[in-house]
Structure formats: C-alpha cells, structure tokens
Amino acid sequence: MRIDRKLCLVHPLERDDGLVLFAHSTPIAEETFIAYHRPLTMTYAQLDADGLIRSGGIRNADLILKDVCERIGMWKDDPIEKRIGVERGLLGEIRRLTNVFAPTAQKWEMVPLEDCVARDILSSQEAREVQAAAVFFCCSSHGFPRQNLKTFLQLCSGRIGAHVTYSSATAFQSSLPTLTPDENSGVTAAAWWDKYLSGSQPESSSAKS
C-alpha cells in the first residue's frame, strides 16, 4: 500500500523579548480544497501575476485571498445559497490547522492560532504573519506541480524564514529541544532551529510513524 506523506509548514517567530516560538501548519483536507478550489486557485494566480511569490509578498497572502474573495462574492456566508464563505469556512479551517508552540516552564505547549492573541502569546500582527504564511502554503500546495512541490515551497517559504517538513504537529512537538530553568529559551530554540534546518534533527524518522 502506498502512503503519501503530507507536507507541513513550520514558521519560527522571534518576539521582541527574545522568546522564540514555532508555528506549525497542517494542509487542509482534499474535500476542503474541492469546496474552495476557485478562490484558492485564483489567489495563487494573483500572487503569481503580481510577482509576489518570489519577492516576499507572500507575507500578505491572506489579504490577497480576501481581495479575491470579495471580488467574486465568496468572502462572507451566503444564506440564500446556503454557502459558508471563505472567511468562516476556508480561513477558519486554515487557522484551526495552525498551532503555535510556546515554551512554558520545561515543556513546549501547543496553542491553537485562534487562541494566541487572547492568551498574549502572539500580538495581532504576529498572528496575522502566521496566518499569511499558512494561507500562502495552502494556495501553493494545490497550485504547483506535485513532483516539484517541496523544492518550490522550500524556496518561497525560505524568504520568510519558514521551512517545509513532513513532520505532523505532534511529531514536531516531540522533536523540539528540552527546556531547563537555567537556559534562555530563545537562545536554545534558535540554536536548535539552525540544527533543524541543517538536517541534524531526525525529522525523517519521526515522520514515518
């Protein structure tokens, strides 16, 4: 039996206080893509037409998604057609599948992106930065040839310091560095991230489970 591994996105965030956190985005389900394929495809096409994919403009992918959906009338719910709009349906699902790992005491806590601002883990600006990266990841995951997808995503995501991985959220959480009270969590996480990008972390082994 063939088992396809799904690419996920990891986005490191360094706050002003030196604390380093990691956002992890899991791809949407195939049925979600089918339901919202038009706005997703149009958003990717708009990013490409505007030259934003390779220029760092992917930081505003969520805003492009909103612009596209408002233009075609799919941003808000349509009670007449009994259709859930992109804002509540697609974007809500992308946010649900995105978690932030924050160091607390000696462990990394997985916090849903939806709760990060209310819990003062991320500022509203930082939360939107994570959201934009997740939206771009979602659009491009379905808008680029599969055989070259990982290379393409890695190239583009690298412009915002993100990284594509086969590790699920739980597998990624297990691979995070152990924290101790005597260590600066920001320094520890930053050093660990450098090793992770260099391939020193056993990502492939955790992803096979």
Foldseek 3Di string as FASTA:
>chain_A
DDDDFFKKKKAWDQDPVLFIKIKIWGEDDPVLCVLVVVLLQVLVVVCVVVVNQQVVVLLCSVVSSCVSCVVVVQQCQDVVVRGHGCVCRVLVVRQQRMWMWGDDAFATDTHRLVCCCVVVNDPPSVSSSSSSLSSVCRSLCPNDDPVCSQVSNQNRVVVNPMHMASAGPVLVRVQQDTDHPVDDNSVRRVVVVVCVVVVVGPRVVSNVD
